[in-house]
N, C-alpha and C. Protein backbone atom coordinates (compact mmCIF):
# COMPACT_ATOMS: atom_id res chain seq x y z
N MET A 1 115.12 94.34 140.63
CA MET A 1 113.79 94.79 141.34
C MET A 1 112.95 95.48 140.33
N GLU A 2 111.65 95.11 140.27
CA GLU A 2 110.68 95.76 139.43
C GLU A 2 109.77 96.63 140.16
N PHE A 3 109.21 97.74 139.62
CA PHE A 3 108.30 98.68 140.41
C PHE A 3 107.21 98.94 139.50
N THR A 4 105.94 99.03 140.04
CA THR A 4 104.89 99.42 139.33
C THR A 4 104.75 100.96 139.12
N VAL A 5 104.59 101.39 137.99
CA VAL A 5 104.65 102.78 137.72
C VAL A 5 103.16 103.29 137.39
N HIS A 6 102.71 104.22 138.14
CA HIS A 6 101.29 104.70 138.08
C HIS A 6 101.45 106.09 137.35
N SER A 7 100.68 106.38 136.36
CA SER A 7 100.56 107.57 135.72
C SER A 7 99.52 108.53 136.40
N ILE A 8 100.05 109.67 136.88
CA ILE A 8 99.25 110.60 137.61
C ILE A 8 99.50 111.91 137.08
N SER A 9 98.47 112.88 137.28
CA SER A 9 98.68 114.26 136.85
C SER A 9 99.47 115.04 137.84
N ARG A 10 100.07 116.08 137.50
CA ARG A 10 100.96 116.88 138.38
C ARG A 10 99.98 117.75 139.20
N PRO A 11 99.95 117.58 140.55
CA PRO A 11 99.07 118.44 141.33
C PRO A 11 99.72 119.81 141.71
N ASN A 12 98.84 120.79 142.07
CA ASN A 12 99.40 121.97 142.60
C ASN A 12 99.77 121.84 144.00
N LEU A 13 101.15 121.64 144.15
CA LEU A 13 101.67 121.47 145.50
C LEU A 13 101.86 122.82 146.21
N PRO A 14 101.51 122.79 147.45
CA PRO A 14 101.68 124.03 148.32
C PRO A 14 103.23 124.31 148.49
N LEU A 15 103.47 125.50 148.63
CA LEU A 15 104.90 125.83 148.90
C LEU A 15 105.42 125.43 150.22
N PRO A 16 106.48 124.98 150.43
CA PRO A 16 107.09 124.57 151.70
C PRO A 16 107.08 125.58 152.63
N LEU A 17 106.89 125.09 153.93
CA LEU A 17 106.88 126.00 155.06
C LEU A 17 108.41 126.38 155.43
N SER A 18 108.64 127.59 155.80
CA SER A 18 109.90 128.08 156.21
C SER A 18 109.98 128.08 157.69
N PHE A 19 111.31 128.09 158.25
CA PHE A 19 111.47 127.90 159.70
C PHE A 19 112.38 128.99 160.06
N SER A 20 112.16 129.50 161.32
CA SER A 20 112.95 130.55 161.86
C SER A 20 113.77 130.01 162.94
N LEU A 21 114.94 130.54 163.19
CA LEU A 21 115.86 130.22 164.21
C LEU A 21 115.33 130.58 165.57
N HIS A 22 114.38 131.58 165.59
CA HIS A 22 113.89 132.08 166.89
C HIS A 22 112.53 131.54 167.21
N SER A 23 112.03 130.59 166.42
CA SER A 23 110.81 130.03 166.74
C SER A 23 110.68 128.53 166.19
N SER A 24 110.12 127.69 167.04
CA SER A 24 110.12 126.28 166.74
C SER A 24 108.86 125.94 165.76
N SER A 25 108.06 126.84 165.57
CA SER A 25 106.80 126.60 164.82
C SER A 25 107.02 127.19 163.46
N PRO A 26 106.56 126.50 162.38
CA PRO A 26 106.84 127.06 161.10
C PRO A 26 105.87 128.22 160.78
N SER A 27 106.49 129.14 159.89
CA SER A 27 105.71 130.30 159.47
C SER A 27 105.04 129.98 158.10
N ASN A 28 104.15 130.84 157.79
CA ASN A 28 103.33 130.65 156.67
C ASN A 28 103.86 131.60 155.41
N SER A 29 105.21 132.12 155.68
CA SER A 29 105.72 132.93 154.53
C SER A 29 106.23 132.05 153.46
N LEU A 30 106.01 132.55 152.20
CA LEU A 30 106.33 131.82 151.03
C LEU A 30 107.82 131.81 150.78
N THR A 31 108.39 130.59 150.60
CA THR A 31 109.76 130.40 150.28
C THR A 31 109.97 129.41 149.19
N PRO A 32 111.09 129.58 148.45
CA PRO A 32 111.36 128.67 147.42
C PRO A 32 111.62 127.24 147.96
N TYR A 33 111.69 126.24 147.00
CA TYR A 33 111.94 124.90 147.28
C TYR A 33 113.41 124.76 147.83
N PRO A 34 113.79 123.81 148.60
CA PRO A 34 115.17 123.79 149.07
C PRO A 34 116.17 123.55 148.06
N HIS A 35 115.86 123.06 146.86
CA HIS A 35 116.85 122.79 145.88
C HIS A 35 117.31 124.05 145.21
N THR A 36 116.56 125.11 145.31
CA THR A 36 116.90 126.32 144.68
C THR A 36 118.15 127.02 145.33
N ARG A 37 118.73 128.00 144.63
CA ARG A 37 119.97 128.58 145.21
C ARG A 37 119.62 129.88 146.03
N THR A 38 118.51 130.25 146.13
CA THR A 38 118.16 131.55 146.82
C THR A 38 118.27 131.28 148.32
N LYS A 39 118.54 132.27 149.07
CA LYS A 39 118.77 132.30 150.56
C LYS A 39 117.48 132.08 151.23
N SER A 40 117.35 131.32 152.29
CA SER A 40 116.17 131.25 153.10
C SER A 40 116.51 130.78 154.48
N THR A 41 115.65 131.07 155.45
CA THR A 41 115.98 130.62 156.75
C THR A 41 116.05 129.13 156.96
N ALA A 42 115.36 128.30 156.11
CA ALA A 42 115.52 126.85 156.17
C ALA A 42 116.82 126.41 155.75
N SER A 43 117.52 127.12 154.76
CA SER A 43 118.69 126.56 154.20
C SER A 43 119.83 126.60 155.16
N ILE A 44 119.91 127.38 156.15
CA ILE A 44 120.94 127.47 157.06
C ILE A 44 120.82 126.61 158.27
N LEU A 45 119.74 125.89 158.42
CA LEU A 45 119.56 124.98 159.55
C LEU A 45 120.29 123.64 159.25
N PRO A 46 120.88 123.12 160.37
CA PRO A 46 121.62 121.87 160.13
C PRO A 46 120.61 120.78 159.81
N PRO A 47 121.18 119.71 159.08
CA PRO A 47 120.24 118.59 158.76
C PRO A 47 119.50 117.90 159.79
N LEU A 48 120.10 117.81 161.03
CA LEU A 48 119.47 117.13 162.08
C LEU A 48 118.36 118.00 162.64
N LEU A 49 118.46 119.26 162.60
CA LEU A 49 117.47 120.11 163.13
C LEU A 49 116.27 120.12 162.17
N LEU A 50 116.57 119.99 160.84
CA LEU A 50 115.39 119.88 159.86
C LEU A 50 114.60 118.56 160.00
N ARG A 51 115.26 117.48 160.34
CA ARG A 51 114.62 116.33 160.35
C ARG A 51 113.61 116.24 161.67
N SER A 52 114.14 116.77 162.73
CA SER A 52 113.48 116.73 164.03
C SER A 52 112.33 117.65 163.98
N ASP A 53 112.49 118.87 163.38
CA ASP A 53 111.47 119.77 163.35
C ASP A 53 110.27 119.46 162.29
N LEU A 54 110.68 118.77 161.20
CA LEU A 54 109.67 118.34 160.29
C LEU A 54 109.04 117.11 160.73
N ASN A 55 109.62 116.36 161.53
CA ASN A 55 108.88 115.10 162.24
C ASN A 55 108.21 114.14 161.00
N LEU A 56 109.12 113.94 159.98
CA LEU A 56 108.52 113.12 158.93
C LEU A 56 108.51 111.61 159.31
N THR A 57 107.43 110.98 158.81
CA THR A 57 107.43 109.56 159.02
C THR A 57 107.11 108.83 157.63
N PHE A 58 107.59 107.67 157.50
CA PHE A 58 107.47 107.01 156.23
C PHE A 58 106.80 105.64 156.47
N LYS A 59 105.81 105.24 155.81
CA LYS A 59 105.13 104.04 156.11
C LYS A 59 105.35 103.08 154.74
N SER A 60 105.74 101.85 155.05
CA SER A 60 106.06 100.91 153.92
C SER A 60 104.81 100.37 153.40
N ARG A 61 104.71 100.20 152.05
CA ARG A 61 103.49 99.66 151.43
C ARG A 61 103.62 98.13 151.39
N GLY A 62 102.51 97.46 151.10
CA GLY A 62 102.43 96.05 150.98
C GLY A 62 103.29 95.50 149.86
N ARG A 63 103.62 94.37 149.89
CA ARG A 63 104.49 93.70 148.90
C ARG A 63 103.80 93.60 147.56
N SER A 64 102.43 93.43 147.55
CA SER A 64 101.72 93.31 146.38
C SER A 64 101.68 94.46 145.51
N LEU A 65 101.83 95.67 146.04
CA LEU A 65 102.02 96.86 145.21
C LEU A 65 103.24 96.89 144.51
N LEU A 66 104.20 96.09 144.80
CA LEU A 66 105.57 96.10 144.07
C LEU A 66 105.66 95.05 143.18
N GLN A 67 104.68 94.14 143.15
CA GLN A 67 104.83 92.92 142.25
C GLN A 67 104.57 93.35 140.77
N PRO A 68 105.27 92.85 139.87
CA PRO A 68 105.08 93.14 138.45
C PRO A 68 103.66 92.78 138.16
N LEU A 69 103.13 93.50 137.11
CA LEU A 69 101.69 93.28 136.66
C LEU A 69 101.56 91.91 136.11
N ARG A 70 102.47 91.47 135.35
CA ARG A 70 102.36 90.14 134.63
C ARG A 70 102.28 89.05 135.71
N ALA A 71 103.05 89.15 136.74
CA ALA A 71 102.98 88.05 137.86
C ALA A 71 101.66 88.15 138.58
N PHE A 72 101.15 89.29 138.73
CA PHE A 72 99.93 89.53 139.42
C PHE A 72 98.65 88.83 138.51
N GLN A 73 98.87 89.05 137.22
CA GLN A 73 97.74 88.48 136.44
C GLN A 73 97.88 86.95 136.32
N SER A 74 99.14 86.40 136.29
CA SER A 74 99.24 84.96 136.15
C SER A 74 98.69 84.23 137.36
N GLU A 75 98.62 84.88 138.60
CA GLU A 75 98.13 84.25 139.60
C GLU A 75 96.57 83.99 139.53
N PHE A 76 95.92 84.79 138.77
CA PHE A 76 94.50 84.80 138.73
C PHE A 76 93.99 84.31 137.33
N GLU A 77 94.87 83.96 136.44
CA GLU A 77 94.60 83.40 135.19
C GLU A 77 94.19 81.81 135.41
N PRO A 78 93.02 81.43 134.79
CA PRO A 78 92.70 80.00 134.99
C PRO A 78 93.82 79.07 134.44
N GLN A 79 94.20 78.06 135.31
CA GLN A 79 95.28 77.21 134.98
C GLN A 79 94.96 76.12 134.07
N SER A 80 93.62 75.85 134.00
CA SER A 80 93.12 74.68 133.13
C SER A 80 92.33 75.10 132.07
N SER A 81 92.51 76.41 131.54
CA SER A 81 91.69 76.88 130.48
C SER A 81 92.01 76.21 129.15
N SER A 82 93.05 75.49 128.93
CA SER A 82 93.30 74.74 127.74
C SER A 82 93.08 73.31 127.90
N VAL A 83 92.46 72.90 129.04
CA VAL A 83 92.17 71.49 129.32
C VAL A 83 90.67 71.22 129.26
N ARG A 84 90.21 70.11 128.60
CA ARG A 84 88.88 69.92 128.73
C ARG A 84 88.64 68.39 129.15
N TRP A 85 87.64 68.25 130.01
CA TRP A 85 87.36 66.88 130.62
C TRP A 85 86.16 66.36 129.81
N LEU A 86 86.33 65.18 129.25
CA LEU A 86 85.29 64.51 128.60
C LEU A 86 84.97 63.10 129.18
N LEU A 87 83.67 62.72 129.10
CA LEU A 87 83.26 61.42 129.38
C LEU A 87 82.76 60.67 128.11
N VAL A 88 83.50 59.74 127.68
CA VAL A 88 83.13 59.08 126.44
C VAL A 88 82.50 57.65 126.67
N PRO A 89 81.38 57.41 126.22
CA PRO A 89 80.76 56.08 126.41
C PRO A 89 81.55 54.91 125.94
N VAL A 90 81.69 53.85 126.74
CA VAL A 90 82.49 52.73 126.31
C VAL A 90 81.78 51.48 126.57
N GLY A 91 80.57 51.56 126.94
CA GLY A 91 79.73 50.32 127.09
C GLY A 91 79.50 49.52 125.75
N ASP A 92 79.03 48.25 125.96
CA ASP A 92 78.69 47.46 124.83
C ASP A 92 77.38 47.77 124.18
N GLY A 93 76.58 48.48 124.78
CA GLY A 93 75.26 48.88 124.16
C GLY A 93 74.23 47.82 124.33
N ASP A 94 74.45 46.74 125.13
CA ASP A 94 73.47 45.75 125.30
C ASP A 94 72.33 46.21 126.08
N TRP A 95 71.09 46.10 125.54
CA TRP A 95 69.91 46.66 126.24
C TRP A 95 68.83 45.54 126.65
N LYS A 96 69.26 44.25 126.56
CA LYS A 96 68.36 43.14 126.80
C LYS A 96 67.87 43.27 128.29
N HIS A 97 68.64 43.56 129.15
CA HIS A 97 68.32 43.64 130.61
C HIS A 97 67.26 44.77 130.81
N ILE A 98 67.20 45.71 129.88
CA ILE A 98 66.10 46.75 130.11
C ILE A 98 64.85 46.23 129.62
N GLY A 99 64.76 45.42 128.58
CA GLY A 99 63.57 45.01 128.04
C GLY A 99 63.06 45.66 126.79
N SER A 100 63.71 46.75 126.40
CA SER A 100 63.39 47.55 125.19
C SER A 100 64.68 48.12 124.72
N LYS A 101 64.75 48.38 123.40
CA LYS A 101 65.95 48.97 122.88
C LYS A 101 66.24 50.40 123.39
N VAL A 102 67.40 50.69 123.79
CA VAL A 102 67.84 51.93 124.27
C VAL A 102 69.07 52.39 123.44
N GLU A 103 69.06 53.54 123.17
CA GLU A 103 70.24 54.10 122.51
C GLU A 103 71.44 54.47 123.31
N MET A 104 72.54 54.33 122.87
CA MET A 104 73.77 54.64 123.67
C MET A 104 73.83 56.12 123.95
N PRO A 105 74.07 56.56 125.10
CA PRO A 105 74.26 57.97 125.20
C PRO A 105 75.57 58.58 124.49
N ASP A 106 75.45 59.79 124.30
CA ASP A 106 76.56 60.58 123.65
C ASP A 106 77.62 60.87 124.66
N ALA A 107 78.84 61.23 124.14
CA ALA A 107 79.89 61.79 124.90
C ALA A 107 79.54 63.09 125.47
N PHE A 108 79.83 63.47 126.67
CA PHE A 108 79.63 64.87 127.02
C PHE A 108 80.80 65.41 127.78
N GLU A 109 80.88 66.72 127.78
CA GLU A 109 82.05 67.42 128.31
C GLU A 109 81.63 68.06 129.74
N ILE A 110 82.46 68.10 130.61
CA ILE A 110 82.25 68.68 131.94
C ILE A 110 82.78 70.12 131.80
N VAL A 111 81.84 71.05 131.68
CA VAL A 111 82.25 72.41 131.56
C VAL A 111 82.33 73.15 132.86
N SER A 112 81.24 72.97 133.59
CA SER A 112 81.12 73.65 134.98
C SER A 112 82.10 72.93 135.97
N ASN A 113 82.37 73.72 137.06
CA ASN A 113 83.23 73.14 138.13
C ASN A 113 82.47 71.98 138.83
N GLU A 114 81.04 71.98 138.74
CA GLU A 114 80.41 71.01 139.52
C GLU A 114 79.07 70.64 138.67
N ILE A 115 78.83 69.35 138.43
CA ILE A 115 77.63 69.01 137.75
C ILE A 115 77.04 67.86 138.50
N THR A 116 75.76 67.58 138.10
CA THR A 116 75.09 66.33 138.52
C THR A 116 74.67 65.45 137.34
N VAL A 117 74.73 64.14 137.65
CA VAL A 117 74.46 63.25 136.53
C VAL A 117 73.22 62.41 136.90
N GLY A 118 72.20 62.26 136.07
CA GLY A 118 71.01 61.55 136.41
C GLY A 118 70.21 61.17 135.16
N ARG A 119 69.04 60.52 135.42
CA ARG A 119 68.18 60.06 134.33
C ARG A 119 67.20 61.19 133.94
N LEU A 120 66.89 62.16 134.72
CA LEU A 120 65.76 63.14 134.43
C LEU A 120 66.49 64.41 134.18
N PRO A 121 66.21 64.97 132.94
CA PRO A 121 66.88 66.22 132.51
C PRO A 121 66.41 67.39 133.42
N GLU A 122 65.33 67.45 133.98
CA GLU A 122 64.81 68.55 134.85
C GLU A 122 65.51 68.46 136.18
N LYS A 123 66.20 67.37 136.58
CA LYS A 123 66.72 67.34 137.90
C LYS A 123 68.31 67.30 137.84
N ALA A 124 68.84 66.84 136.68
CA ALA A 124 70.30 66.60 136.55
C ALA A 124 70.84 67.55 135.46
N ASP A 125 72.08 67.89 135.62
CA ASP A 125 72.78 68.71 134.58
C ASP A 125 73.01 67.84 133.32
N ILE A 126 73.51 66.59 133.63
CA ILE A 126 73.68 65.75 132.47
C ILE A 126 72.74 64.61 132.56
N ALA A 127 71.89 64.40 131.56
CA ALA A 127 70.87 63.31 131.60
C ALA A 127 71.23 62.17 130.74
N ILE A 128 71.20 61.01 131.35
CA ILE A 128 71.38 59.74 130.70
C ILE A 128 70.07 58.90 130.67
N PRO A 129 69.31 58.93 129.59
CA PRO A 129 68.03 58.36 129.68
C PRO A 129 68.01 56.80 129.54
N VAL A 130 68.47 56.23 130.57
CA VAL A 130 68.51 54.77 130.79
C VAL A 130 67.81 54.41 132.16
N ALA A 131 66.94 53.49 132.15
CA ALA A 131 66.22 53.09 133.32
C ALA A 131 66.94 52.75 134.60
N THR A 132 68.12 52.24 134.32
CA THR A 132 68.97 51.75 135.45
C THR A 132 69.71 52.93 136.06
N VAL A 133 69.59 54.11 135.49
CA VAL A 133 70.20 55.26 136.16
C VAL A 133 69.19 55.92 137.02
N SER A 134 69.62 56.36 138.21
CA SER A 134 68.79 57.06 139.20
C SER A 134 68.31 58.45 138.57
N ALA A 135 67.21 58.95 139.06
CA ALA A 135 66.86 60.35 138.67
C ALA A 135 68.02 61.36 138.83
N VAL A 136 68.64 61.32 140.05
CA VAL A 136 69.87 62.20 140.28
C VAL A 136 70.87 61.21 140.87
N HIS A 137 71.70 60.76 140.09
CA HIS A 137 72.57 59.59 140.36
C HIS A 137 73.90 59.98 141.07
N ALA A 138 74.58 60.91 140.54
CA ALA A 138 76.00 61.25 141.13
C ALA A 138 76.30 62.65 140.83
N ARG A 139 77.28 63.13 141.56
CA ARG A 139 77.82 64.52 141.35
C ARG A 139 79.37 64.40 141.06
N ILE A 140 79.78 65.23 140.11
CA ILE A 140 81.05 65.30 139.60
C ILE A 140 81.68 66.67 139.77
N LYS A 141 82.83 66.86 140.40
CA LYS A 141 83.52 68.12 140.49
C LYS A 141 84.90 68.12 139.85
N LYS A 142 85.23 69.25 139.28
CA LYS A 142 86.65 69.28 138.80
C LYS A 142 87.49 69.88 139.86
N GLN A 143 88.68 69.29 139.96
CA GLN A 143 89.68 69.78 140.83
C GLN A 143 91.08 69.59 140.32
N GLU A 144 91.68 70.67 139.91
CA GLU A 144 93.04 70.58 139.31
C GLU A 144 93.14 69.61 138.26
N ASP A 145 93.95 68.56 138.44
CA ASP A 145 94.18 67.56 137.44
C ASP A 145 93.47 66.23 137.54
N ARG A 146 92.24 66.35 138.31
CA ARG A 146 91.55 65.15 138.47
C ARG A 146 90.01 65.53 138.71
N LEU A 147 89.27 64.47 138.76
CA LEU A 147 87.72 64.73 138.86
C LEU A 147 87.41 64.03 140.26
N LEU A 148 86.44 64.66 140.91
CA LEU A 148 85.91 64.03 142.20
C LEU A 148 84.46 63.57 141.98
N VAL A 149 84.22 62.39 142.27
CA VAL A 149 82.94 61.72 142.04
C VAL A 149 82.25 61.38 143.37
N ILE A 150 80.90 61.70 143.51
CA ILE A 150 80.17 61.46 144.71
C ILE A 150 78.95 60.70 144.31
N ASP A 151 78.79 59.58 144.82
CA ASP A 151 77.37 58.80 144.62
C ASP A 151 76.32 59.40 145.46
N LEU A 152 75.23 59.83 144.79
CA LEU A 152 74.04 60.47 145.67
C LEU A 152 73.03 59.41 146.01
N ASP A 153 73.44 58.40 146.62
CA ASP A 153 72.64 57.28 147.03
C ASP A 153 71.77 56.62 145.96
N SER A 154 72.37 56.39 144.94
CA SER A 154 71.82 55.77 143.70
C SER A 154 71.32 54.41 144.03
N THR A 155 70.21 53.92 143.18
CA THR A 155 69.69 52.59 143.43
C THR A 155 70.67 51.57 142.95
N ASN A 156 71.43 51.71 141.79
CA ASN A 156 72.24 50.70 141.18
C ASN A 156 73.68 51.07 141.43
N GLY A 157 74.00 52.16 142.02
CA GLY A 157 75.42 52.42 142.55
C GLY A 157 76.10 53.10 141.39
N THR A 158 77.20 53.78 141.80
CA THR A 158 78.30 54.40 140.81
C THR A 158 79.60 53.65 141.05
N PHE A 159 80.21 53.29 140.00
CA PHE A 159 81.41 52.54 140.00
C PHE A 159 82.56 53.24 139.36
N ILE A 160 83.76 53.22 139.92
CA ILE A 160 84.97 53.65 139.34
C ILE A 160 85.75 52.31 138.94
N ASP A 161 85.87 52.06 137.60
CA ASP A 161 86.40 50.85 137.15
C ASP A 161 85.42 49.81 137.69
N ASP A 162 85.94 48.83 138.49
CA ASP A 162 85.18 47.85 139.08
C ASP A 162 84.83 48.03 140.67
N LYS A 163 85.15 49.14 141.01
CA LYS A 163 84.94 49.40 142.60
C LYS A 163 83.70 50.36 142.72
N ARG A 164 82.67 49.78 143.60
CA ARG A 164 81.47 50.52 143.87
C ARG A 164 81.80 51.58 144.99
N LEU A 165 81.39 52.84 144.67
CA LEU A 165 81.51 53.84 145.66
C LEU A 165 80.45 53.88 146.73
N LYS A 166 80.83 54.27 148.04
CA LYS A 166 79.87 54.40 149.05
C LYS A 166 79.20 55.70 148.89
N PRO A 167 77.84 55.67 149.08
CA PRO A 167 77.08 57.00 148.96
C PRO A 167 77.67 58.11 149.79
N GLY A 168 77.81 59.27 149.18
CA GLY A 168 78.30 60.40 149.92
C GLY A 168 79.70 60.50 150.07
N VAL A 169 80.52 59.49 149.69
CA VAL A 169 81.98 59.42 149.86
C VAL A 169 82.71 59.90 148.59
N VAL A 170 83.59 60.85 148.82
CA VAL A 170 84.34 61.36 147.66
C VAL A 170 85.39 60.49 147.11
N ALA A 171 85.30 60.22 145.83
CA ALA A 171 86.41 59.40 145.24
C ALA A 171 87.06 60.05 144.08
N ALA A 172 88.40 60.02 143.98
CA ALA A 172 89.21 60.73 142.93
C ALA A 172 89.20 59.93 141.65
N VAL A 173 88.98 60.61 140.56
CA VAL A 173 89.13 59.92 139.16
C VAL A 173 90.09 60.72 138.32
N SER A 174 90.99 59.87 137.61
CA SER A 174 91.86 60.40 136.71
C SER A 174 91.54 60.16 135.38
N SER A 175 92.25 60.74 134.35
CA SER A 175 92.14 60.40 132.98
C SER A 175 92.47 59.02 132.70
N GLY A 176 91.66 58.24 132.09
CA GLY A 176 91.78 56.77 131.78
C GLY A 176 90.88 55.93 132.60
N ASN A 177 90.49 56.38 133.69
CA ASN A 177 89.54 55.61 134.50
C ASN A 177 88.15 55.54 133.94
N CYS A 178 87.37 54.55 134.25
CA CYS A 178 85.99 54.45 133.87
C CYS A 178 85.01 54.59 134.94
N ILE A 179 83.92 55.33 134.63
CA ILE A 179 82.79 55.57 135.55
C ILE A 179 81.54 54.87 135.13
N SER A 180 80.85 54.11 135.88
CA SER A 180 79.61 53.51 135.52
C SER A 180 78.65 53.97 136.40
N PHE A 181 77.44 54.55 135.82
CA PHE A 181 76.33 55.05 136.57
C PHE A 181 75.28 54.02 136.53
N GLY A 182 75.50 52.95 137.31
CA GLY A 182 74.37 52.05 137.43
C GLY A 182 74.24 51.02 136.38
N ASP A 183 74.97 51.21 135.24
CA ASP A 183 74.78 50.24 134.22
C ASP A 183 76.13 50.12 133.39
N ILE A 184 76.73 48.97 133.37
CA ILE A 184 78.04 48.76 132.59
C ILE A 184 77.77 48.71 131.05
N HIS A 185 76.58 48.47 130.66
CA HIS A 185 76.32 48.29 129.23
C HIS A 185 75.96 49.66 128.60
N LEU A 186 75.23 50.42 129.28
CA LEU A 186 74.56 51.71 128.62
C LEU A 186 75.09 52.86 129.22
N ALA A 187 75.65 52.89 130.47
CA ALA A 187 76.11 54.07 131.12
C ALA A 187 77.39 54.14 131.79
N MET A 188 78.35 53.33 131.01
CA MET A 188 79.72 53.40 131.45
C MET A 188 80.58 54.41 130.50
N PHE A 189 81.42 55.15 131.11
CA PHE A 189 82.03 56.19 130.43
C PHE A 189 83.63 56.18 130.79
N GLN A 190 84.39 56.48 129.87
CA GLN A 190 85.82 56.54 130.15
C GLN A 190 86.17 58.10 130.21
N VAL A 191 86.92 58.35 131.35
CA VAL A 191 87.42 59.76 131.55
C VAL A 191 88.58 60.17 130.61
N SER A 192 88.44 61.26 129.94
CA SER A 192 89.50 61.71 129.12
C SER A 192 89.76 63.19 129.40
N LYS A 193 91.15 63.39 129.55
CA LYS A 193 91.55 64.81 129.81
C LYS A 193 92.36 65.17 128.62
N LEU A 194 91.83 66.13 127.83
CA LEU A 194 92.49 66.47 126.62
C LEU A 194 92.76 67.98 126.46
N LYS A 195 93.69 68.30 125.68
CA LYS A 195 93.91 69.61 125.36
C LYS A 195 92.81 70.19 124.45
N THR A 196 92.66 71.46 124.41
CA THR A 196 91.43 72.00 123.70
C THR A 196 91.46 71.64 122.29
N ASP A 197 92.58 71.63 121.57
CA ASP A 197 92.64 71.38 120.18
C ASP A 197 92.35 69.89 119.75
N LYS A 198 92.46 69.07 120.76
CA LYS A 198 92.27 67.57 120.58
C LYS A 198 90.78 67.08 120.99
N ALA A 199 90.09 67.99 121.86
CA ALA A 199 88.88 67.51 122.45
C ALA A 199 87.75 67.47 121.33
N ALA A 200 87.70 68.29 120.42
CA ALA A 200 86.70 68.34 119.43
C ALA A 200 86.69 67.07 118.59
N SER A 201 87.89 66.74 118.13
CA SER A 201 88.11 65.49 117.34
C SER A 201 87.77 64.25 118.12
N LYS A 202 87.99 64.17 119.40
CA LYS A 202 87.75 63.05 120.24
C LYS A 202 86.13 62.96 120.37
N ILE A 203 85.42 64.01 120.50
CA ILE A 203 84.01 63.89 120.52
C ILE A 203 83.48 63.40 119.16
N GLN A 204 84.06 63.94 118.18
CA GLN A 204 83.59 63.52 116.74
C GLN A 204 83.84 62.06 116.60
N GLU A 205 85.05 61.52 116.96
CA GLU A 205 85.35 60.16 116.76
C GLU A 205 84.34 59.30 117.61
N SER A 206 83.92 59.77 118.87
CA SER A 206 83.02 58.93 119.69
C SER A 206 81.67 58.89 119.01
N GLU A 207 81.20 60.10 118.47
CA GLU A 207 79.82 60.12 117.86
C GLU A 207 79.88 59.18 116.55
N ASP A 208 80.91 59.20 115.77
CA ASP A 208 81.04 58.38 114.69
C ASP A 208 80.95 56.87 115.11
N SER A 209 81.58 56.50 116.11
CA SER A 209 81.68 55.22 116.63
C SER A 209 80.34 54.71 117.04
N ILE A 210 79.58 55.53 117.85
CA ILE A 210 78.26 55.16 118.27
C ILE A 210 77.24 55.02 117.08
N GLY A 211 77.45 55.84 116.12
CA GLY A 211 76.55 55.78 114.87
C GLY A 211 76.82 54.60 114.07
N ASN A 212 78.04 54.17 113.99
CA ASN A 212 78.41 52.87 113.27
C ASN A 212 77.86 51.69 113.95
N SER A 213 77.93 51.71 115.32
CA SER A 213 77.41 50.52 116.08
C SER A 213 75.84 50.34 116.04
N GLU A 214 75.27 51.55 115.85
CA GLU A 214 73.76 51.49 115.86
C GLU A 214 73.23 50.98 114.50
N THR A 215 73.98 51.51 113.46
CA THR A 215 73.55 50.98 112.10
C THR A 215 73.85 49.74 111.79
N SER A 216 74.94 49.15 112.42
CA SER A 216 75.40 47.71 112.05
C SER A 216 74.43 46.66 112.71
């Protein structure tokens, strides 16, 4: 059993009250503490009489006060602090259906617990400057070991792999799934759940791949 130890200063405790055999009320005369060897009127009273006259009550404290400090901290430490969620572009980069050349979007990391994805940076947290993406296209939420995706009534739809989402309906996405925001060529991303030490290299690999495809 572990106990929480609190450091406190020693208070000036009042001297205990003494009791008389001829009176049921305590007197205010000064007497030593019961553990001393000096004679006092309280020391000759039987234990049962002392308990009844003192009328002491004890209240139990909550269990949380008895929990170890480390256990208390672990309950409030972020469980996914070493995990990073990335969306890595995996489209083929074809822009002919747009009518003009459009660059492939970069990989992006989902840092906040909730973000919006869209075409306009002033309206969405993550901007994908592709004409087939709606101004505010979808919402993504982080939840434990998965992502939740909600289509915000976009024009060209939000897809998980090859399944189109119904607007306003929450769909779960795991690492390895692909999300398309209205365009499988320019706005399709693969979901990656990585440890912190691997996430930076994953982003760099994605940027290098995009740069090579644009120069070729």
